C-alpha cells in the first residue's frame, strides 16, 4: 500500500510540474501574440523589412564567399596562388601535404566535408614539394600540417593528428571542433567538450609547429617518433 501511495504522490508531483511548465509556455505565447496584436501596420511592415534585409545580406555574403572559391576543397598549384587566395579571404585553412604521406589522404576526406559545411572559411591544399619558400617561412616541417590563417596572418597550426585524439580514425566532428577552437570556423558546438571517438586519456594541448625539433631539411612524416 505504501509503495502504491508513493507512486501516486510522485505522479501528482510530476503532473503538477508539467502543468506549471505548460502554463509558462502558454503565458509566453500569449504575451508574444499580444505584442503582435498591438503592433500597427507600420511596425509590422518595418519588422518584415528588417528580416528580409537580414536574409538578403546573408544571401549576398554567401554569394561573395562562393565567388572567392569557398564551399569546396581546392588544390592550389603554387606559392604565388597561396598568397593571392589568403589575401582575398578572411579565414583560410590550408593543408600542407605530400603525396606519399597517407595521413594526408585522411585529412583530405574530412576537409572536403567541412568545406561544404563552413562556407565562411576557405579550404585549400598545397603540395610541400611546390612550396619550399612558403614552408620555410611558415616553418612547416611535419606533414600533414594545417595552417589556420585570419586576415592574411597565421593564427594557429594543426600538426599531425596529436590534437585529434592521436588516432587515424578521428571523426570529421573532431576536426571541426579543433578548427572551432582556433576560431577559424563558426563552431556551434561546445568547445569545452571535444567529441573524441576514443575514450583514452590524452592531453588536448595544441601542438605548435615552432615547438617541433627540426632534424633535417627533408619534411618529416608525422609518425610516432616525431
C-alpha atoms as a PDB file:
ATOM      1  CA  UNK A   1       0.000   0.000   0.000  1.00  0.00           C
ATOM      2  CA  UNK A   2       2.802   2.400   0.953  1.00  0.00           C
ATOM      3  CA  UNK A   3       4.535   1.720  -2.376  1.00  0.00           C
ATOM      4  CA  UNK A   4       1.351   2.468  -4.282  1.00  0.00           C
ATOM      5  CA  UNK A   5       0.810   5.685  -2.309  1.00  0.00           C
ATOM      6  CA  UNK A   6       4.375   6.828  -3.079  1.00  0.00           C
ATOM      7  CA  UNK A   7       3.887   6.222  -6.785  1.00  0.00           C
ATOM      8  CA  UNK A   8       0.615   8.148  -6.753  1.00  0.00           C
ATOM      9  CA  UNK A   9       2.271  11.041  -4.928  1.00  0.00           C
ATOM     10  CA  UNK A  10       5.152  11.093  -7.397  1.00  0.00           C
ATOM     11  CA  UNK A  11       2.727  11.058 -10.316  1.00  0.00           C
ATOM     12  CA  UNK A  12       0.830  14.003  -8.870  1.00  0.00           C
ATOM     13  CA  UNK A  13       4.042  15.990  -8.340  1.00  0.00           C
ATOM     14  CA  UNK A  14       5.152  15.254 -11.912  1.00  0.00           C
ATOM     15  CA  UNK A  15       1.729  16.155 -13.264  1.00  0.00           C
ATOM     16  CA  UNK A  16       1.796  19.439 -11.350  1.00  0.00           C
ATOM     17  CA  UNK A  17       5.266  20.291 -12.718  1.00  0.00           C
ATOM     18  CA  UNK A  18       4.129  19.597 -16.274  1.00  0.00           C
ATOM     19  CA  UNK A  19       1.047  21.743 -15.714  1.00  0.00           C
ATOM     20  CA  UNK A  20       3.159  24.639 -14.439  1.00  0.00           C
ATOM     21  CA  UNK A  21       5.518  24.332 -17.419  1.00  0.00           C
ATOM     22  CA  UNK A  22       2.581  24.303 -19.819  1.00  0.00           C
ATOM     23  CA  UNK A  23       1.149  27.426 -18.190  1.00  0.00           C
ATOM     24  CA  UNK A  24       4.506  29.235 -18.538  1.00  0.00           C
ATOM     25  CA  UNK A  25       4.740  28.341 -22.224  1.00  0.00           C
ATOM     26  CA  UNK A  26       1.165  29.417 -22.837  1.00  0.00           C
ATOM     27  CA  UNK A  27       1.764  32.653 -20.960  1.00  0.00           C
ATOM     28  CA  UNK A  28       4.839  33.393 -23.103  1.00  0.00           C
ATOM     29  CA  UNK A  29       2.932  32.680 -26.304  1.00  0.00           C
ATOM     30  CA  UNK A  30       0.024  34.852 -25.170  1.00  0.00           C
ATOM     31  CA  UNK A  31       2.480  37.662 -24.473  1.00  0.00           C
ATOM     32  CA  UNK A  32       4.057  37.396 -27.934  1.00  0.00           C
ATOM     33  CA  UNK A  33       0.655  37.274 -29.625  1.00  0.00           C
ATOM     34  CA  UNK A  34      -0.448  40.318 -27.645  1.00  0.00           C
ATOM     35  CA  UNK A  35       2.656  42.223 -28.790  1.00  0.00           C
ATOM     36  CA  UNK A  36       1.891  41.382 -32.398  1.00  0.00           C
ATOM     37  CA  UNK A  37      -1.777  42.385 -31.962  1.00  0.00           C
ATOM     38  CA  UNK A  38      -0.739  45.740 -30.515  1.00  0.00           C
ATOM     39  CA  UNK A  39       1.640  46.469 -33.372  1.00  0.00           C
ATOM     40  CA  UNK A  40       0.412  48.794 -36.004  1.00  0.00           C
ATOM     41  CA  UNK A  41       0.694  48.084 -39.707  1.00  0.00           C
ATOM     42  CA  UNK A  42       3.743  50.327 -39.989  1.00  0.00           C
ATOM     43  CA  UNK A  43       5.572  48.485 -37.189  1.00  0.00           C
ATOM     44  CA  UNK A  44       4.781  45.080 -38.698  1.00  0.00           C
ATOM     45  CA  UNK A  45       5.968  46.254 -42.092  1.00  0.00           C
ATOM     46  CA  UNK A  46       9.206  47.557 -40.542  1.00  0.00           C
ATOM     47  CA  UNK A  47       9.788  44.227 -38.772  1.00  0.00           C
ATOM     48  CA  UNK A  48       9.185  42.377 -42.029  1.00  0.00           C
ATOM     49  CA  UNK A  49      11.614  44.652 -43.880  1.00  0.00           C
ATOM     50  CA  UNK A  50      14.324  44.109 -41.259  1.00  0.00           C
ATOM     51  CA  UNK A  51      14.017  40.340 -41.566  1.00  0.00           C
ATOM     52  CA  UNK A  52      14.053  40.485 -45.357  1.00  0.00           C
ATOM     53  CA  UNK A  53      17.122  42.713 -45.288  1.00  0.00           C
ATOM     54  CA  UNK A  54      18.897  40.264 -42.975  1.00  0.00           C
ATOM     55  CA  UNK A  55      18.081  37.444 -45.396  1.00  0.00           C
ATOM     56  CA  UNK A  56      19.318  39.493 -48.350  1.00  0.00           C
ATOM     57  CA  UNK A  57      22.602  40.268 -46.606  1.00  0.00           C
ATOM     58  CA  UNK A  58      23.096  36.606 -45.683  1.00  0.00           C
ATOM     59  CA  UNK A  59      22.491  35.589 -49.299  1.00  0.00           C
ATOM     60  CA  UNK A  60      24.871  38.267 -50.591  1.00  0.00           C
ATOM     61  CA  UNK A  61      27.540  37.107 -48.161  1.00  0.00           C
ATOM     62  CA  UNK A  62      27.079  33.520 -49.303  1.00  0.00           C
ATOM     63  CA  UNK A  63      27.446  34.501 -52.956  1.00  0.00           C
ATOM     64  CA  UNK A  64      30.553  36.534 -52.159  1.00  0.00           C
ATOM     65  CA  UNK A  65      32.159  33.559 -50.430  1.00  0.00           C
ATOM     66  CA  UNK A  66      31.310  31.263 -53.320  1.00  0.00           C
ATOM     67  CA  UNK A  67      32.782  33.727 -55.825  1.00  0.00           C
ATOM     68  CA  UNK A  68      36.064  33.611 -53.886  1.00  0.00           C
ATOM     69  CA  UNK A  69      36.271  29.831 -54.014  1.00  0.00           C
ATOM     70  CA  UNK A  70      34.668  28.961 -50.701  1.00  0.00           C
ATOM     71  CA  UNK A  71      32.386  25.939 -50.486  1.00  0.00           C
ATOM     72  CA  UNK A  72      34.855  23.455 -51.956  1.00  0.00           C
ATOM     73  CA  UNK A  73      38.195  21.950 -51.017  1.00  0.00           C
ATOM     74  CA  UNK A  74      40.646  23.055 -53.695  1.00  0.00           C
ATOM     75  CA  UNK A  75      44.266  22.398 -54.535  1.00  0.00           C
ATOM     76  CA  UNK A  76      46.368  25.413 -55.444  1.00  0.00           C
ATOM     77  CA  UNK A  77      49.327  24.886 -57.786  1.00  0.00           C
ATOM     78  CA  UNK A  78      51.928  27.267 -56.384  1.00  0.00           C
ATOM     79  CA  UNK A  79      53.117  29.551 -53.605  1.00  0.00           C
ATOM     80  CA  UNK A  80      52.070  32.604 -55.595  1.00  0.00           C
ATOM     81  CA  UNK A  81      48.481  31.329 -55.687  1.00  0.00           C
ATOM     82  CA  UNK A  82      48.585  30.822 -51.924  1.00  0.00           C
ATOM     83  CA  UNK A  83      49.284  34.488 -51.215  1.00  0.00           C
ATOM     84  CA  UNK A  84      46.505  35.632 -53.530  1.00  0.00           C
ATOM     85  CA  UNK A  85      43.970  33.189 -52.070  1.00  0.00           C
ATOM     86  CA  UNK A  86      44.798  34.163 -48.498  1.00  0.00           C
ATOM     87  CA  UNK A  87      44.692  37.862 -49.311  1.00  0.00           C
ATOM     88  CA  UNK A  88      41.087  37.814 -50.533  1.00  0.00           C
ATOM     89  CA  UNK A  89      39.513  35.757 -47.726  1.00  0.00           C
ATOM     90  CA  UNK A  90      39.227  36.497 -44.020  1.00  0.00           C
ATOM     91  CA  UNK A  91      39.503  32.866 -42.864  1.00  0.00           C
ATOM     92  CA  UNK A  92      41.597  30.191 -44.558  1.00  0.00           C
ATOM     93  CA  UNK A  93      42.570  26.602 -43.766  1.00  0.00           C
ATOM     94  CA  UNK A  94      45.498  25.360 -45.857  1.00  0.00           C
ATOM     95  CA  UNK A  95      46.579  21.728 -45.806  1.00  0.00           C
ATOM     96  CA  UNK A  96      50.291  21.308 -46.499  1.00  0.00           C
ATOM     97  CA  UNK A  97      50.520  17.794 -47.845  1.00  0.00           C
ATOM     98  CA  UNK A  98      52.725  15.296 -49.628  1.00  0.00           C
ATOM     99  CA  UNK A  99      51.501  12.554 -51.959  1.00  0.00           C
ATOM    100  CA  UNK A 100      53.494   9.826 -50.245  1.00  0.00           C
ATOM    101  CA  UNK A 101      52.116  10.589 -46.764  1.00  0.00           C
ATOM    102  CA  UNK A 102      48.966   8.504 -46.310  1.00  0.00           C
ATOM    103  CA  UNK A 103      47.690  10.603 -43.394  1.00  0.00           C
ATOM    104  CA  UNK A 104      47.272  13.497 -45.801  1.00  0.00           C
ATOM    105  CA  UNK A 105      44.629  11.491 -47.637  1.00  0.00           C
ATOM    106  CA  UNK A 106      42.770  11.003 -44.351  1.00  0.00           C
ATOM    107  CA  UNK A 107      42.671  14.760 -43.836  1.00  0.00           C
ATOM    108  CA  UNK A 108      41.538  15.285 -47.429  1.00  0.00           C
ATOM    109  CA  UNK A 109      38.354  13.342 -46.794  1.00  0.00           C
ATOM    110  CA  UNK A 110      37.396  15.363 -43.709  1.00  0.00           C
ATOM    111  CA  UNK A 111      38.349  18.733 -45.173  1.00  0.00           C
ATOM    112  CA  UNK A 112      36.212  18.122 -48.262  1.00  0.00           C
ATOM    113  CA  UNK A 113      33.173  17.637 -45.995  1.00  0.00           C
ATOM    114  CA  UNK A 114      33.892  20.682 -43.835  1.00  0.00           C
ATOM    115  CA  UNK A 115      34.473  22.958 -46.827  1.00  0.00           C
ATOM    116  CA  UNK A 116      30.856  22.451 -47.894  1.00  0.00           C
ATOM    117  CA  UNK A 117      29.519  22.919 -44.381  1.00  0.00           C
ATOM    118  CA  UNK A 118      31.501  26.035 -43.466  1.00  0.00           C
ATOM    119  CA  UNK A 119      31.189  28.487 -46.329  1.00  0.00           C
ATOM    120  CA  UNK A 120      32.644  31.232 -44.148  1.00  0.00           C
ATOM    121  CA  UNK A 121      36.088  29.634 -44.459  1.00  0.00           C
ATOM    122  CA  UNK A 122      38.237  28.877 -47.497  1.00  0.00           C
ATOM    123  CA  UNK A 123      39.739  25.362 -47.574  1.00  0.00           C
ATOM    124  CA  UNK A 124      42.908  24.803 -49.624  1.00  0.00           C
ATOM    125  CA  UNK A 125      45.673  22.258 -50.058  1.00  0.00           C
ATOM    126  CA  UNK A 126      49.249  22.810 -51.251  1.00  0.00           C
ATOM    127  CA  UNK A 127      51.934  20.262 -52.090  1.00  0.00           C
ATOM    128  CA  UNK A 128      55.021  20.978 -49.976  1.00  0.00           C
ATOM    129  CA  UNK A 129      57.281  19.987 -52.871  1.00  0.00           C
ATOM    130  CA  UNK A 130      55.937  23.001 -54.783  1.00  0.00           C
ATOM    131  CA  UNK A 131      56.257  25.449 -51.906  1.00  0.00           C
ATOM    132  CA  UNK A 132      59.802  25.362 -50.415  1.00  0.00           C
ATOM    133  CA  UNK A 133      59.892  29.101 -49.646  1.00  0.00           C
ATOM    134  CA  UNK A 134      56.474  29.108 -48.004  1.00  0.00           C
ATOM    135  CA  UNK A 135      57.236  26.006 -45.931  1.00  0.00           C
ATOM    136  CA  UNK A 136      60.445  27.631 -44.732  1.00  0.00           C
ATOM    137  CA  UNK A 137      58.666  30.872 -43.932  1.00  0.00           C
ATOM    138  CA  UNK A 138      55.841  29.139 -42.030  1.00  0.00           C
ATOM    139  CA  UNK A 139      58.249  26.584 -40.554  1.00  0.00           C
ATOM    140  CA  UNK A 140      56.276  23.638 -41.906  1.00  0.00           C
ATOM    141  CA  UNK A 141      58.336  20.555 -41.039  1.00  0.00           C
ATOM    142  CA  UNK A 142      55.809  17.889 -40.091  1.00  0.00           C
ATOM    143  CA  UNK A 143      53.418  16.531 -42.708  1.00  0.00           C
ATOM    144  CA  UNK A 144      50.464  16.790 -42.651  1.00  0.00           C
ATOM    145  CA  UNK A 145      50.114  20.278 -41.204  1.00  0.00           C
ATOM    146  CA  UNK A 146      47.105  22.576 -41.378  1.00  0.00           C
ATOM    147  CA  UNK A 147      47.895  26.276 -41.324  1.00  0.00           C
ATOM    148  CA  UNK A 148      44.988  28.350 -39.989  1.00  0.00           C
ATOM    149  CA  UNK A 149      45.016  31.942 -41.210  1.00  0.00           C
ATOM    150  CA  UNK A 150      42.949  35.024 -40.378  1.00  0.00           C
ATOM    151  CA  UNK A 151      43.238  38.264 -42.304  1.00  0.00           C
ATOM    152  CA  UNK A 152      46.347  37.006 -44.066  1.00  0.00           C
ATOM    153  CA  UNK A 153      48.184  36.067 -40.865  1.00  0.00           C
ATOM    154  CA  UNK A 154      48.857  32.586 -39.492  1.00  0.00           C
ATOM    155  CA  UNK A 155      46.978  32.178 -36.215  1.00  0.00           C
ATOM    156  CA  UNK A 156      47.477  28.506 -35.419  1.00  0.00           C
ATOM    157  CA  UNK A 157      48.606  25.115 -36.728  1.00  0.00           C
ATOM    158  CA  UNK A 158      47.192  21.615 -36.530  1.00  0.00           C
ATOM    159  CA  UNK A 159      50.277  19.404 -36.720  1.00  0.00           C
ATOM    160  CA  UNK A 160      49.695  15.745 -37.479  1.00  0.00           C
ATOM    161  CA  UNK A 161      46.870  14.145 -35.513  1.00  0.00           C
ATOM    162  CA  UNK A 162      48.047  14.992 -31.984  1.00  0.00           C
ATOM    163  CA  UNK A 163      45.131  17.341 -31.326  1.00  0.00           C
ATOM    164  CA  UNK A 164      42.643  14.969 -32.949  1.00  0.00           C
ATOM    165  CA  UNK A 165      42.950  12.110 -30.495  1.00  0.00           C
ATOM    166  CA  UNK A 166      46.273  10.613 -31.634  1.00  0.00           C
ATOM    167  CA  UNK A 167      44.422   8.269 -33.964  1.00  0.00           C
ATOM    168  CA  UNK A 168      43.919   7.887 -37.697  1.00  0.00           C
ATOM    169  CA  UNK A 169      40.239   7.145 -37.037  1.00  0.00           C
ATOM    170  CA  UNK A 170      39.246  10.589 -35.772  1.00  0.00           C
ATOM    171  CA  UNK A 171      35.853  11.864 -36.891  1.00  0.00           C
ATOM    172  CA  UNK A 172      35.030  14.878 -39.026  1.00  0.00           C
ATOM    173  CA  UNK A 173      33.345  16.327 -35.942  1.00  0.00           C
ATOM    174  CA  UNK A 174      36.648  16.125 -34.054  1.00  0.00           C
ATOM    175  CA  UNK A 175      38.476  18.099 -36.720  1.00  0.00           C
ATOM    176  CA  UNK A 176      35.586  20.557 -36.829  1.00  0.00           C
ATOM    177  CA  UNK A 177      35.896  21.039 -33.058  1.00  0.00           C
ATOM    178  CA  UNK A 178      39.652  21.608 -33.332  1.00  0.00           C
ATOM    179  CA  UNK A 179      39.201  24.249 -36.027  1.00  0.00           C
ATOM    180  CA  UNK A 180      36.466  25.822 -33.919  1.00  0.00           C
ATOM    181  CA  UNK A 181      38.902  26.129 -31.008  1.00  0.00           C
ATOM    182  CA  UNK A 182      41.009  28.424 -33.183  1.00  0.00           C
ATOM    183  CA  UNK A 183      38.011  30.451 -34.326  1.00  0.00           C
ATOM    184  CA  UNK A 184      38.785  29.680 -37.950  1.00  0.00           C
ATOM    185  CA  UNK A 185      35.239  28.373 -38.483  1.00  0.00           C
ATOM    186  CA  UNK A 186      31.914  29.265 -36.885  1.00  0.00           C
ATOM    187  CA  UNK A 187      31.552  26.351 -34.480  1.00  0.00           C
ATOM    188  CA  UNK A 188      28.131  25.819 -32.917  1.00  0.00           C
ATOM    189  CA  UNK A 189      29.093  23.024 -30.505  1.00  0.00           C
ATOM    190  CA  UNK A 190      30.601  23.107 -27.039  1.00  0.00           C
ATOM    191  CA  UNK A 191      34.329  23.851 -27.260  1.00  0.00           C
ATOM    192  CA  UNK A 192      34.808  22.523 -23.728  1.00  0.00           C
ATOM    193  CA  UNK A 193      33.699  19.034 -24.780  1.00  0.00           C
ATOM    194  CA  UNK A 194      35.827  17.640 -27.640  1.00  0.00           C
ATOM    195  CA  UNK A 195      33.953  14.892 -29.496  1.00  0.00           C
ATOM    196  CA  UNK A 196      36.806  12.414 -29.357  1.00  0.00           C
ATOM    197  CA  UNK A 197      35.878   8.992 -30.629  1.00  0.00           C
ATOM    198  CA  UNK A 198      38.304   7.235 -28.288  1.00  0.00           C
ATOM    199  CA  UNK A 199      37.913   7.116 -24.508  1.00  0.00           C
ATOM    200  CA  UNK A 200      41.670   7.163 -23.979  1.00  0.00           C
ATOM    201  CA  UNK A 201      43.038   9.933 -21.847  1.00  0.00           C
ATOM    202  CA  UNK A 202      45.399  12.270 -23.587  1.00  0.00           C
ATOM    203  CA  UNK A 203      46.257  15.945 -23.432  1.00  0.00           C
ATOM    204  CA  UNK A 204      44.367  18.445 -25.563  1.00  0.00           C
ATOM    205  CA  UNK A 205      47.276  20.880 -25.669  1.00  0.00           C
ATOM    206  CA  UNK A 206      47.573  22.329 -29.153  1.00  0.00           C
ATOM    207  CA  UNK A 207      50.900  21.365 -30.688  1.00  0.00           C
ATOM    208  CA  UNK A 208      52.647  24.288 -32.338  1.00  0.00           C
ATOM    209  CA  UNK A 209      54.968  23.846 -35.289  1.00  0.00           C
ATOM    210  CA  UNK A 210      57.638  26.025 -33.800  1.00  0.00           C
ATOM    211  CA  UNK A 211      57.984  23.643 -30.837  1.00  0.00           C
ATOM    212  CA  UNK A 212      58.864  20.725 -33.092  1.00  0.00           C
ATOM    213  CA  UNK A 213      62.503  19.693 -33.329  1.00  0.00           C
ATOM    214  CA  UNK A 214      63.810  20.216 -36.830  1.00  0.00           C
ATOM    215  CA  UNK A 215      66.013  17.228 -37.663  1.00  0.00           C
ATOM    216  CA  UNK A 216      66.905  17.957 -41.266  1.00  0.00           C
ATOM    217  CA  UNK A 217      65.930  19.678 -44.461  1.00  0.00           C
ATOM    218  CA  UNK A 218      63.506  16.992 -45.596  1.00  0.00           C
ATOM    219  CA  UNK A 219      59.897  17.057 -44.447  1.00  0.00           C
ATOM    220  CA  UNK A 220      59.295  14.532 -41.693  1.00  0.00           C
ATOM    221  CA  UNK A 221      56.207  12.348 -41.639  1.00  0.00           C
ATOM    222  CA  UNK A 222      54.023  12.746 -38.581  1.00  0.00           C
ATOM    223  CA  UNK A 223      54.830   9.364 -37.064  1.00  0.00           C
ATOM    224  CA  UNK A 224      55.300   8.123 -33.525  1.00  0.00           C
ATOM    225  CA  UNK A 225      58.949   9.099 -33.399  1.00  0.00           C
ATOM    226  CA  UNK A 226      58.291  12.748 -34.273  1.00  0.00           C
END
